[in-house]
């Protein structure tokens, strides 16, 4: 790594990783799942030395240092072309900053005020024009849509809930579909929203669970949209959306600790949803089909990891990222030792506000952004590997 003219430049190293290819589908079911189930005994676990694996993810520096107030979050809004990709930061006062990556630097394009305080932010393409928009939630229960036009930004109310908004999750639009929104309030209720053919917002309640819902992940299955919801009770429920938009389902797994954070993954058996689950008891689990017991699913090296990065439409079964102590780390399954390894990426500190995975920088497949309480937005960039380019992965 070197500094050039005050800007941080990262020199990438390409090291071949031990990854299975999609064309090994049948072999993966037979071989991979048993390997992932063989976890190190927790009683024998000791602090692992850092292992240098494939440095696909590299720290790219600070995008923005906000002086406007504490940041509520940052989201990527992919454009119709990569040159139109946006990064949008929203602070707690309701000030929005639009950024673009031009040349070799992030530039502030414009700022504007929403008109009320904000506590969370998400982005998606729920409208039928499939252009990405930003959605913000507030402590008075408001959910507001922010749309970028040629003349600037406009704001439109979506819904007002009876309780403060805790989180907003947005699905990635499919090839022919649009995004759906999931809004979780501080009373533990979750609401599903989408735009109907009449251009009006449709709403459906998500069934409540014991202790209330505090987190959810989604997956597009052959049966349609599936979600897993969890809360402080430690029970996880899998729910399926029917053709009318209503939700039903049953308990999926039961953990000893309530959820601290969750991220969606890909099931190595290709039979069910899969979830990385950080419990408030300090244990970290990897849950998937027939691998959902509290003890067997634990990943000791990732104990206490939080602020997880979900892979969205690029789900992988053998890696995840999250804050471990005060470092952002990549955790990758080592097929030689049959254990999970921890690879440090960058020390960002403990006081994180939010993380976001998306496409905002032209010329790179994916990025993720870490927002810290001191108003910094840290960028991590994933480089396309030579074997991925060759295989089309």
Protein backbone atom coordinates (compact mmCIF):
# COMPACT_ATOMS: atom_id res chain seq x y z
CA UNK A 1 0.00 0.00 0.00
CA UNK A 2 1.31 3.46 -0.82
CA UNK A 3 0.23 7.06 -0.39
CA UNK A 4 0.24 9.24 -3.49
CA UNK A 5 -0.50 12.94 -3.33
CA UNK A 6 -2.38 12.60 -0.07
CA UNK A 7 -4.68 9.92 -1.46
CA UNK A 8 -4.52 6.30 -0.47
CA UNK A 9 -3.89 3.87 -3.29
CA UNK A 10 -4.12 0.15 -2.76
CA UNK A 11 -1.92 -2.26 -4.68
CA UNK A 12 -3.88 -5.43 -5.29
CA UNK A 13 -2.40 -8.89 -5.07
CA UNK A 14 -4.13 -11.77 -6.77
CA UNK A 15 -3.79 -15.10 -5.05
CA UNK A 16 -5.82 -18.05 -6.19
CA UNK A 17 -8.42 -19.11 -3.62
CA UNK A 18 -9.75 -22.56 -2.78
CA UNK A 19 -13.26 -22.00 -4.16
CA UNK A 20 -15.59 -24.55 -5.66
CA UNK A 21 -17.08 -23.79 -9.02
CA UNK A 22 -20.75 -23.79 -9.77
CA UNK A 23 -20.30 -26.66 -12.22
CA UNK A 24 -19.42 -28.93 -9.29
CA UNK A 25 -23.04 -28.73 -8.09
CA UNK A 26 -23.59 -32.37 -7.23
CA UNK A 27 -20.14 -32.79 -5.69
CA UNK A 28 -20.69 -29.67 -3.58
CA UNK A 29 -23.81 -31.16 -1.99
CA UNK A 30 -21.99 -34.39 -1.11
CA UNK A 31 -18.67 -32.95 0.03
CA UNK A 32 -19.08 -29.32 1.11
CA UNK A 33 -21.92 -29.58 3.61
CA UNK A 34 -20.18 -32.18 5.84
CA UNK A 35 -17.00 -30.08 5.81
CA UNK A 36 -18.82 -26.95 6.97
CA UNK A 37 -20.50 -28.91 9.73
CA UNK A 38 -17.17 -29.90 11.27
CA UNK A 39 -16.66 -26.99 13.66
CA UNK A 40 -13.81 -26.57 16.09
CA UNK A 41 -14.76 -27.59 19.63
CA UNK A 42 -15.57 -24.38 21.51
CA UNK A 43 -13.85 -25.57 24.65
CA UNK A 44 -10.56 -25.97 22.79
CA UNK A 45 -10.86 -22.69 20.88
CA UNK A 46 -7.94 -20.28 21.22
CA UNK A 47 -7.29 -16.93 19.58
CA UNK A 48 -6.44 -17.78 15.96
CA UNK A 49 -3.52 -16.24 14.18
CA UNK A 50 -4.47 -14.15 11.20
CA UNK A 51 -4.18 -16.16 7.99
CA UNK A 52 -3.45 -14.51 4.67
CA UNK A 53 -6.02 -15.74 2.19
CA UNK A 54 -7.26 -14.21 -1.01
CA UNK A 55 -7.31 -10.41 -0.58
CA UNK A 56 -10.36 -9.91 -2.76
CA UNK A 57 -11.53 -7.09 -0.52
CA UNK A 58 -9.23 -4.13 0.02
CA UNK A 59 -9.63 -0.98 2.07
CA UNK A 60 -9.96 1.97 -0.35
CA UNK A 61 -9.96 4.87 2.11
CA UNK A 62 -12.42 7.45 3.42
CA UNK A 63 -15.15 8.57 1.01
CA UNK A 64 -16.54 11.41 3.08
CA UNK A 65 -15.96 13.03 6.43
CA UNK A 66 -19.29 14.56 7.40
CA UNK A 67 -19.39 17.90 9.19
CA UNK A 68 -23.16 18.22 8.93
CA UNK A 69 -24.10 15.91 11.80
CA UNK A 70 -24.01 12.27 12.80
CA UNK A 71 -24.60 10.01 9.79
CA UNK A 72 -27.67 7.76 9.71
CA UNK A 73 -26.26 5.68 6.87
CA UNK A 74 -25.06 5.51 3.28
CA UNK A 75 -26.48 3.62 0.29
CA UNK A 76 -25.46 2.88 -3.29
CA UNK A 77 -27.88 3.61 -6.13
CA UNK A 78 -26.82 1.85 -9.36
CA UNK A 79 -27.56 3.83 -12.52
CA UNK A 80 -28.57 2.67 -15.98
CA UNK A 81 -24.85 2.77 -16.79
CA UNK A 82 -21.93 2.40 -14.38
CA UNK A 83 -21.04 6.06 -14.92
CA UNK A 84 -24.43 7.00 -13.44
CA UNK A 85 -23.90 5.09 -10.19
CA UNK A 86 -24.47 7.18 -7.07
CA UNK A 87 -23.50 7.02 -3.43
CA UNK A 88 -25.96 8.78 -1.12
CA UNK A 89 -25.21 9.67 2.51
CA UNK A 90 -27.92 10.79 4.93
CA UNK A 91 -27.24 12.36 8.32
CA UNK A 92 -29.50 12.30 11.37
CA UNK A 93 -30.68 15.87 10.80
CA UNK A 94 -32.12 14.90 7.40
CA UNK A 95 -29.39 16.34 5.19
CA UNK A 96 -28.64 14.26 2.09
CA UNK A 97 -25.30 14.28 0.25
CA UNK A 98 -25.06 12.90 -3.29
CA UNK A 99 -21.61 11.65 -4.34
CA UNK A 100 -20.12 10.33 -7.59
CA UNK A 101 -16.81 8.65 -8.28
CA UNK A 102 -15.19 10.73 -11.02
CA UNK A 103 -11.71 9.98 -12.32
CA UNK A 104 -10.02 8.63 -9.22
CA UNK A 105 -11.86 10.45 -6.45
CA UNK A 106 -15.27 10.81 -4.84
CA UNK A 107 -16.91 14.18 -5.47
CA UNK A 108 -19.91 15.79 -3.77
CA UNK A 109 -22.50 16.58 -6.47
CA UNK A 110 -25.14 18.26 -4.32
CA UNK A 111 -26.75 18.33 -0.90
CA UNK A 112 -30.35 18.94 0.13
CA UNK A 113 -32.54 18.76 3.23
CA UNK A 114 -35.40 16.28 3.68
CA UNK A 115 -37.10 18.47 6.28
CA UNK A 116 -37.14 16.13 9.26
CA UNK A 117 -34.68 13.99 11.27
CA UNK A 118 -33.72 10.52 9.99
CA UNK A 119 -32.71 7.36 11.88
CA UNK A 120 -32.23 4.76 9.10
CA UNK A 121 -31.80 4.53 5.34
CA UNK A 122 -32.10 1.94 2.55
CA UNK A 123 -32.25 1.90 -1.26
CA UNK A 124 -34.01 -0.10 -3.94
CA UNK A 125 -36.10 0.02 -7.12
CA UNK A 126 -39.74 -0.50 -6.07
CA UNK A 127 -41.17 1.70 -8.83
CA UNK A 128 -41.99 0.11 -12.16
CA UNK A 129 -39.50 2.34 -13.98
CA UNK A 130 -36.89 0.30 -12.04
CA UNK A 131 -34.80 3.37 -11.23
CA UNK A 132 -33.19 3.22 -7.81
CA UNK A 133 -34.47 5.43 -5.02
CA UNK A 134 -33.55 6.08 -1.41
CA UNK A 135 -35.87 5.33 1.54
CA UNK A 136 -35.45 6.91 4.96
CA UNK A 137 -37.19 6.24 8.28
CA UNK A 138 -37.70 8.59 11.20
CA UNK A 139 -38.45 8.37 14.91
CA UNK A 140 -42.01 9.64 14.35
CA UNK A 141 -42.78 6.60 12.16
CA UNK A 142 -42.43 8.28 8.76
CA UNK A 143 -41.01 6.43 5.75
CA UNK A 144 -40.09 8.79 2.91
CA UNK A 145 -39.02 8.08 -0.67
CA UNK A 146 -36.24 10.20 -2.22
CA UNK A 147 -36.11 10.30 -6.03
CA UNK A 148 -33.36 11.86 -8.11
CA UNK A 149 -34.46 13.75 -11.24
CA UNK A 150 -32.58 15.86 -13.77
CA UNK A 151 -33.52 18.94 -11.75
CA UNK A 152 -32.53 17.51 -8.35
CA UNK A 153 -34.17 15.45 -5.64
CA UNK A 154 -37.84 15.13 -4.71
CA UNK A 155 -39.40 13.64 -1.56
CA UNK A 156 -42.62 11.63 -1.37
CA UNK A 157 -44.30 10.10 1.72
CA UNK A 158 -44.64 6.32 1.68
CA UNK A 159 -46.27 5.40 5.00
CA UNK A 160 -46.47 6.58 8.61
CA UNK A 161 -46.34 3.85 11.25
CA UNK A 162 -47.59 3.99 14.82
CA UNK A 163 -44.10 3.51 16.25
CA UNK A 164 -40.58 4.83 15.52
CA UNK A 165 -38.83 3.15 12.58
CA UNK A 166 -36.03 0.81 13.61
CA UNK A 167 -34.80 -0.42 10.20
CA UNK A 168 -35.70 -0.55 6.50
CA UNK A 169 -34.67 -3.50 4.33
CA UNK A 170 -35.10 -3.53 0.54
CA UNK A 171 -34.92 -6.53 -1.78
CA UNK A 172 -32.85 -6.42 -4.95
CA UNK A 173 -35.13 -6.22 -7.99
CA UNK A 174 -35.25 -9.37 -10.09
CA UNK A 175 -34.91 -9.51 -13.86
CA UNK A 176 -38.59 -8.74 -14.33
CA UNK A 177 -39.66 -7.75 -10.83
CA UNK A 178 -39.29 -4.74 -8.58
CA UNK A 179 -37.98 -4.24 -5.06
CA UNK A 180 -40.08 -4.78 -1.99
CA UNK A 181 -39.59 -2.93 1.29
CA UNK A 182 -39.62 -4.33 4.81
CA UNK A 183 -39.96 -1.76 7.60
CA UNK A 184 -39.32 -2.82 11.20
CA UNK A 185 -40.53 -0.55 13.99
CA UNK A 186 -39.34 -0.30 17.57
CA UNK A 187 -42.42 -2.15 18.85
CA UNK A 188 -41.17 -5.29 17.08
CA UNK A 189 -43.64 -5.22 14.19
CA UNK A 190 -42.60 -5.57 10.53
CA UNK A 191 -44.50 -4.28 7.49
CA UNK A 192 -44.03 -5.35 3.87
CA UNK A 193 -44.57 -2.68 1.16
CA UNK A 194 -44.44 -2.64 -2.64
CA UNK A 195 -45.86 -0.63 -5.56
CA UNK A 196 -48.91 -2.22 -7.19
CA UNK A 197 -49.91 -2.00 -10.82
CA UNK A 198 -52.10 1.01 -9.93
CA UNK A 199 -48.92 2.80 -8.73
CA UNK A 200 -50.19 2.86 -5.13
CA UNK A 201 -48.22 1.47 -2.21
CA UNK A 202 -49.50 -1.90 -1.04
CA UNK A 203 -48.89 -3.00 2.56
CA UNK A 204 -48.96 -6.36 4.29
CA UNK A 205 -48.14 -7.07 7.94
CA UNK A 206 -45.47 -9.65 8.73
CA UNK A 207 -46.69 -12.12 11.40
CA UNK A 208 -45.39 -11.23 14.86
CA UNK A 209 -43.05 -13.54 16.76
CA UNK A 210 -42.30 -13.93 20.48
CA UNK A 211 -40.25 -10.98 21.69
CA UNK A 212 -40.87 -9.03 18.48
CA UNK A 213 -38.98 -8.81 15.19
CA UNK A 214 -35.69 -6.90 15.20
CA UNK A 215 -34.00 -8.27 12.06
CA UNK A 216 -34.84 -10.11 8.85
CA UNK A 217 -33.17 -11.47 5.72
CA UNK A 218 -34.73 -12.51 2.42
CA UNK A 219 -34.16 -14.99 -0.38
CA UNK A 220 -35.80 -15.52 -3.75
CA UNK A 221 -36.65 -19.22 -3.90
CA UNK A 222 -38.50 -21.31 -6.47
CA UNK A 223 -41.57 -20.86 -4.30
CA UNK A 224 -41.24 -17.07 -4.42
CA UNK A 225 -40.00 -14.54 -1.88
CA UNK A 226 -38.99 -16.07 1.47
CA UNK A 227 -37.83 -14.26 4.59
CA UNK A 228 -36.39 -15.30 7.93
CA UNK A 229 -37.22 -13.08 10.90
CA UNK A 230 -35.60 -13.08 14.33
CA UNK A 231 -35.62 -11.14 17.56
CA UNK A 232 -34.47 -11.15 21.18
CA UNK A 233 -36.08 -14.53 21.99
CA UNK A 234 -33.59 -16.52 19.89
CA UNK A 235 -36.23 -18.12 17.67
CA UNK A 236 -36.06 -17.73 13.89
CA UNK A 237 -39.15 -18.07 11.72
CA UNK A 238 -39.22 -18.73 7.97
CA UNK A 239 -42.13 -17.04 6.17
CA UNK A 240 -43.29 -17.37 2.56
CA UNK A 241 -45.18 -14.76 0.53
CA UNK A 242 -48.21 -16.03 -1.40
CA UNK A 243 -49.55 -14.65 -4.69
CA UNK A 244 -51.69 -12.09 -2.83
CA UNK A 245 -48.73 -10.80 -0.83
CA UNK A 246 -49.70 -12.38 2.49
CA UNK A 247 -47.15 -14.14 4.69
CA UNK A 248 -47.22 -17.43 6.56
CA UNK A 249 -44.71 -19.88 8.02
CA UNK A 250 -43.32 -21.64 11.05
CA UNK A 251 -40.37 -21.68 13.41
CA UNK A 252 -37.19 -22.41 11.47
CA UNK A 253 -34.55 -22.65 14.21
CA UNK A 254 -34.04 -21.86 17.90
CA UNK A 255 -30.83 -20.33 19.27
CA UNK A 256 -29.70 -19.85 22.86
CA UNK A 257 -29.10 -16.13 22.27
CA UNK A 258 -31.26 -13.48 20.64
CA UNK A 259 -30.20 -11.96 17.34
CA UNK A 260 -27.56 -9.24 17.34
CA UNK A 261 -27.20 -9.20 13.55
CA UNK A 262 -28.03 -11.45 10.57
CA UNK A 263 -26.95 -11.76 6.94
CA UNK A 264 -28.26 -13.98 4.17
CA UNK A 265 -26.02 -16.65 2.70
CA UNK A 266 -26.31 -19.50 0.18
CA UNK A 267 -27.16 -23.01 1.39
CA UNK A 268 -24.35 -25.39 0.34
CA UNK A 269 -26.94 -28.20 0.09
CA UNK A 270 -29.10 -26.04 -2.23
CA UNK A 271 -32.23 -27.13 -0.33
CA UNK A 272 -33.10 -24.22 1.96
CA UNK A 273 -32.29 -20.67 2.99
CA UNK A 274 -29.04 -20.05 4.86
CA UNK A 275 -28.20 -17.41 7.45
CA UNK A 276 -25.14 -16.07 9.23
CA UNK A 277 -26.39 -15.32 12.75
CA UNK A 278 -24.62 -13.24 15.37
CA UNK A 279 -26.18 -13.88 18.78
CA UNK A 280 -26.31 -11.49 21.71
CA UNK A 281 -24.71 -14.29 23.77
CA UNK A 282 -21.43 -13.74 21.87
CA UNK A 283 -21.70 -16.86 19.70
CA UNK A 284 -21.76 -16.79 15.91
CA UNK A 285 -23.64 -19.41 13.87
CA UNK A 286 -23.97 -20.54 10.27
CA UNK A 287 -27.44 -22.02 9.77
CA UNK A 288 -28.74 -23.93 6.75
CA UNK A 289 -30.69 -27.05 5.82
CA UNK A 290 -30.33 -29.82 8.44
CA UNK A 291 -27.59 -27.76 10.12
CA UNK A 292 -29.56 -25.62 12.53
CA UNK A 293 -28.77 -26.92 16.01
CA UNK A 294 -27.35 -24.33 18.39
CA UNK A 295 -24.04 -26.13 19.03
CA UNK A 296 -23.31 -27.61 15.58
CA UNK A 297 -23.87 -24.31 13.79
CA UNK A 298 -21.37 -22.27 15.84
CA UNK A 299 -18.35 -20.65 14.16
CA UNK A 300 -15.97 -19.96 17.07
CA UNK A 301 -13.45 -17.80 15.20
CA UNK A 302 -16.24 -15.31 14.43
CA UNK A 303 -17.58 -15.12 17.99
CA UNK A 304 -19.06 -11.68 18.67
CA UNK A 305 -18.83 -10.53 15.04
CA UNK A 306 -21.45 -7.93 14.15
CA UNK A 307 -22.39 -5.48 11.38
CA UNK A 308 -22.45 -8.32 8.87
CA UNK A 309 -22.35 -7.87 5.13
CA UNK A 310 -25.05 -9.78 3.24
CA UNK A 311 -24.12 -10.74 -0.30
CA UNK A 312 -27.46 -9.69 -1.78
CA UNK A 313 -27.82 -11.22 -5.26
CA UNK A 314 -24.29 -12.68 -5.13
CA UNK A 315 -24.79 -15.13 -2.28
CA UNK A 316 -21.75 -17.23 -1.33
CA UNK A 317 -21.63 -20.13 1.06
CA UNK A 318 -18.00 -19.91 2.13
CA UNK A 319 -17.35 -16.27 3.06
CA UNK A 320 -18.86 -13.43 5.00
CA UNK A 321 -17.67 -10.13 6.41
CA UNK A 322 -18.25 -8.35 9.67
CA UNK A 323 -16.83 -6.30 12.52
CA UNK A 324 -14.67 -8.48 14.78
CA UNK A 325 -13.58 -6.55 17.86
CA UNK A 326 -12.64 -3.24 16.21
CA UNK A 327 -11.56 -4.57 12.79
CA UNK A 328 -13.55 -5.25 9.69
CA UNK A 329 -12.69 -8.82 8.70
CA UNK A 330 -13.41 -11.33 5.99
CA UNK A 331 -14.21 -14.83 7.24
CA UNK A 332 -13.56 -17.58 4.73
CA UNK A 333 -13.92 -21.34 4.94
CA UNK A 334 -10.55 -23.04 4.47
CA UNK A 335 -11.05 -26.31 2.60
CA UNK A 336 -7.59 -27.55 3.61
CA UNK A 337 -7.93 -27.17 7.38
CA UNK A 338 -11.75 -27.50 7.29
CA UNK A 339 -12.10 -24.48 9.56
CA UNK A 340 -13.10 -20.85 9.17
CA UNK A 341 -10.21 -18.38 8.89
CA UNK A 342 -10.34 -14.71 9.79
CA UNK A 343 -8.66 -12.21 7.48
CA UNK A 344 -8.39 -8.63 8.79
CA UNK A 345 -9.23 -5.90 6.30
CA UNK A 346 -8.97 -2.64 8.24
CA UNK A 347 -9.28 -1.35 11.81
CA UNK A 348 -12.30 0.95 11.88
CA UNK A 349 -13.06 1.01 15.63
CA UNK A 350 -16.04 -0.21 17.62
CA UNK A 351 -18.48 2.68 17.15
CA UNK A 352 -20.19 1.69 13.90
CA UNK A 353 -23.48 3.17 12.75
CA UNK A 354 -24.24 1.08 9.67
CA UNK A 355 -22.80 -0.91 6.78
CA UNK A 356 -23.99 -1.13 3.18
CA UNK A 357 -23.14 -3.49 0.32
CA UNK A 358 -23.74 -2.34 -3.27
CA UNK A 359 -22.46 -0.92 -6.54
CA UNK A 360 -21.46 2.74 -6.48
CA UNK A 361 -17.95 2.95 -7.97
CA UNK A 362 -17.59 2.45 -11.76
CA UNK A 363 -15.17 -0.23 -12.90
CA UNK A 364 -15.46 -2.52 -9.86
CA UNK A 365 -17.96 -5.34 -9.28
CA UNK A 366 -18.96 -4.48 -5.71
CA UNK A 367 -18.14 -2.26 -2.79
CA UNK A 368 -19.23 -1.99 0.80
CA UNK A 369 -19.32 1.07 3.00
CA UNK A 370 -18.84 1.33 6.75
CA UNK A 371 -20.22 4.37 8.57
CA UNK A 372 -18.62 5.21 11.92
CA UNK A 373 -19.95 7.39 14.71
CA UNK A 374 -17.29 10.03 14.07
CA UNK A 375 -18.92 10.84 10.71
CA UNK A 376 -16.57 8.87 8.44
CA UNK A 377 -17.59 6.70 5.51
CA UNK A 378 -14.99 3.97 4.89
CA UNK A 379 -14.97 2.22 1.51
CA UNK A 380 -13.94 -1.39 0.82
CA UNK A 381 -13.59 -2.50 -2.81
CA UNK A 382 -13.84 -6.01 -4.22
CA UNK A 383 -11.63 -6.76 -7.19
CA UNK A 384 -12.65 -9.21 -9.91
CA UNK A 385 -10.33 -12.20 -9.81
CA UNK A 386 -8.76 -13.59 -13.01
CA UNK A 387 -10.44 -16.99 -12.60
CA UNK A 388 -13.84 -15.30 -12.16
CA UNK A 389 -13.42 -13.32 -15.34
CA UNK A 390 -12.44 -16.50 -17.19
CA UNK A 391 -15.37 -18.53 -15.85
CA UNK A 392 -17.94 -15.75 -16.01
CA UNK A 393 -18.72 -16.16 -12.30
